[in-house]
Amino acid sequence: MASDTLARCRPTRCVSTCASWRTLEAQARIDKAAIRDLEAQARGPLRLPSPEQITRRVLDLEAVLNRDVERGRAALRELLREGQISLEPGVDGIYTAVADLLPLRVLLLDTERPEHEPGPLDNVGCGGGI
């Protein structure tokens, strides 16, 4: 149908309409090719990180904890369900820390951002910390 409409674009028709139509058809071809590429990627194997990459991210987190406690705590909250650690009393009166760890979130942590660079939701303004 699209080529039928394009074929009807004659010199007597509006030139800008025919040019717009050609532009839209070209974009449709590009979009279809992009969709085919994405579908091919989706059919491919899922790339999981190597154990070395996961270990490196955990060590990065440890380095952040040692360098900047507040930033390290924020990173740890990202790894815990609802960002919480609960303390539950034992029968002997000793409390035990309990948390649900989400281990794959370690791959999403932003531990490589320099300390002085504010994050997207930082409390540092032009006059210093708020």
Protein backbone atom coordinates (compact mmCIF):
# COMPACT_ATOMS: atom_id res chain seq x y z
CA MET A 1 0.00 0.00 0.00
CA ALA A 2 2.80 2.42 0.84
CA SER A 3 4.38 1.99 -2.57
CA ASP A 4 0.95 2.52 -4.17
CA THR A 5 0.66 5.85 -2.42
CA LEU A 6 4.21 6.76 -3.41
CA ALA A 7 3.47 5.81 -7.01
CA ARG A 8 0.58 8.27 -6.98
CA CYS A 9 2.97 11.09 -6.15
CA ARG A 10 3.14 12.84 -9.47
CA PRO A 11 4.45 16.26 -10.35
CA THR A 12 0.89 17.56 -10.12
CA ARG A 13 0.66 16.44 -6.47
CA CYS A 14 2.12 18.43 -3.56
CA VAL A 15 5.90 18.03 -3.61
CA SER A 16 6.27 18.40 0.15
CA THR A 17 3.70 15.64 0.79
CA CYS A 18 5.57 13.24 -1.50
CA ALA A 19 8.92 14.16 0.11
CA SER A 20 7.46 13.62 3.58
CA TRP A 21 6.07 10.28 2.51
CA ARG A 22 9.48 9.18 1.19
CA THR A 23 11.11 10.28 4.45
CA LEU A 24 8.59 8.29 6.49
CA GLU A 25 9.12 5.19 4.35
CA ALA A 26 12.90 5.47 4.77
CA GLN A 27 12.48 5.79 8.55
CA ALA A 28 10.15 2.78 8.57
CA ARG A 29 12.85 0.70 6.83
CA ILE A 30 15.43 1.82 9.41
CA ASP A 31 13.05 1.02 12.29
CA LYS A 32 12.25 -2.43 10.89
CA ALA A 33 15.97 -3.21 10.60
CA ALA A 34 16.51 -2.07 14.19
CA ILE A 35 13.65 -4.29 15.38
CA ARG A 36 15.16 -7.27 13.54
CA ASP A 37 18.52 -6.59 15.24
CA LEU A 38 16.90 -6.41 18.68
CA GLU A 39 14.97 -9.62 18.07
CA ALA A 40 18.20 -11.35 17.01
CA GLN A 41 19.90 -10.15 20.21
CA ALA A 42 16.96 -11.39 22.30
CA ARG A 43 17.28 -14.86 20.76
CA GLY A 44 21.00 -14.96 21.58
CA PRO A 45 22.48 -16.27 24.83
CA LEU A 46 22.20 -14.14 27.94
CA ARG A 47 25.59 -12.72 28.91
CA LEU A 48 26.22 -13.28 32.60
CA PRO A 49 29.14 -11.70 34.40
CA SER A 50 32.13 -13.86 35.19
CA PRO A 51 32.92 -14.76 38.80
CA GLU A 52 35.92 -12.40 38.55
CA GLN A 53 33.65 -9.49 37.58
CA ILE A 54 31.30 -10.19 40.49
CA THR A 55 34.25 -10.48 42.88
CA ARG A 56 35.63 -7.17 41.61
CA ARG A 57 32.28 -5.44 42.23
CA VAL A 58 32.11 -6.81 45.78
CA LEU A 59 35.66 -5.62 46.45
CA ASP A 60 34.73 -2.22 44.98
CA LEU A 61 31.89 -2.07 47.49
CA GLU A 62 34.29 -2.95 50.31
CA ALA A 63 36.64 -0.17 49.17
CA VAL A 64 33.74 2.31 49.16
CA LEU A 65 32.79 1.24 52.70
CA ASN A 66 36.36 1.81 53.87
CA ARG A 67 36.66 5.16 52.07
CA ASP A 68 33.22 6.75 52.66
CA VAL A 69 30.96 5.15 55.29
CA GLU A 70 27.80 7.07 54.30
CA ARG A 71 28.18 6.20 50.63
CA GLY A 72 28.97 2.60 51.56
CA ARG A 73 25.84 2.36 53.68
CA ALA A 74 23.77 3.71 50.79
CA ALA A 75 25.31 1.08 48.50
CA LEU A 76 24.55 -1.67 51.02
CA ARG A 77 20.92 -0.52 51.27
CA GLU A 78 20.67 -1.11 47.52
CA LEU A 79 21.61 -4.76 48.10
CA LEU A 80 18.97 -5.42 50.76
CA ARG A 81 15.26 -5.98 50.27
CA GLU A 82 13.58 -2.73 51.29
CA GLY A 83 17.06 -1.52 52.31
CA GLN A 84 16.61 -2.86 55.83
CA ILE A 85 18.40 -4.98 58.40
CA SER A 86 16.22 -6.13 61.29
CA LEU A 87 17.48 -7.05 64.74
CA GLU A 88 15.72 -10.02 66.30
CA PRO A 89 16.25 -11.02 69.92
CA GLY A 90 17.35 -14.55 70.57
CA VAL A 91 16.25 -16.73 73.46
CA ASP A 92 19.60 -16.03 75.11
CA GLY A 93 19.03 -12.24 74.91
CA ILE A 94 21.53 -11.76 72.09
CA TYR A 95 20.22 -9.95 69.01
CA THR A 96 20.78 -11.31 65.53
CA ALA A 97 20.83 -9.13 62.42
CA VAL A 98 18.48 -10.46 59.72
CA ALA A 99 18.19 -9.19 56.15
CA ASP A 100 17.18 -10.42 52.71
CA LEU A 101 20.17 -10.00 50.41
CA LEU A 102 19.57 -9.37 46.69
CA PRO A 103 22.95 -10.56 45.35
CA LEU A 104 22.50 -9.68 41.69
CA ARG A 105 22.03 -6.03 42.58
CA VAL A 106 25.77 -5.85 43.21
CA LEU A 107 26.08 -5.67 39.42
CA LEU A 108 24.02 -2.47 39.37
CA LEU A 109 25.94 -0.62 42.08
CA ASP A 110 27.68 2.60 41.09
CA THR A 111 30.89 2.13 43.07
CA GLU A 112 33.13 3.66 40.41
CA ARG A 113 31.84 7.24 40.72
CA PRO A 114 34.49 9.50 42.29
CA GLU A 115 33.75 10.60 45.84
CA HIS A 116 33.60 14.30 44.99
CA GLU A 117 31.16 13.85 42.11
CA PRO A 118 27.56 14.31 43.28
CA GLY A 119 25.00 11.71 42.33
CA PRO A 120 21.65 12.40 40.72
CA LEU A 121 19.96 12.88 44.12
CA ASP A 122 22.69 14.38 46.23
CA ASN A 123 22.35 16.82 49.11
CA VAL A 124 25.42 18.82 48.11
CA GLY A 125 24.69 22.27 46.75
CA CYS A 126 26.80 25.26 45.75
CA GLY A 127 27.13 26.20 49.42
CA GLY A 128 28.21 22.74 50.57
CA GLY A 129 26.22 19.99 52.23
CA ILE A 130 22.64 20.65 53.20
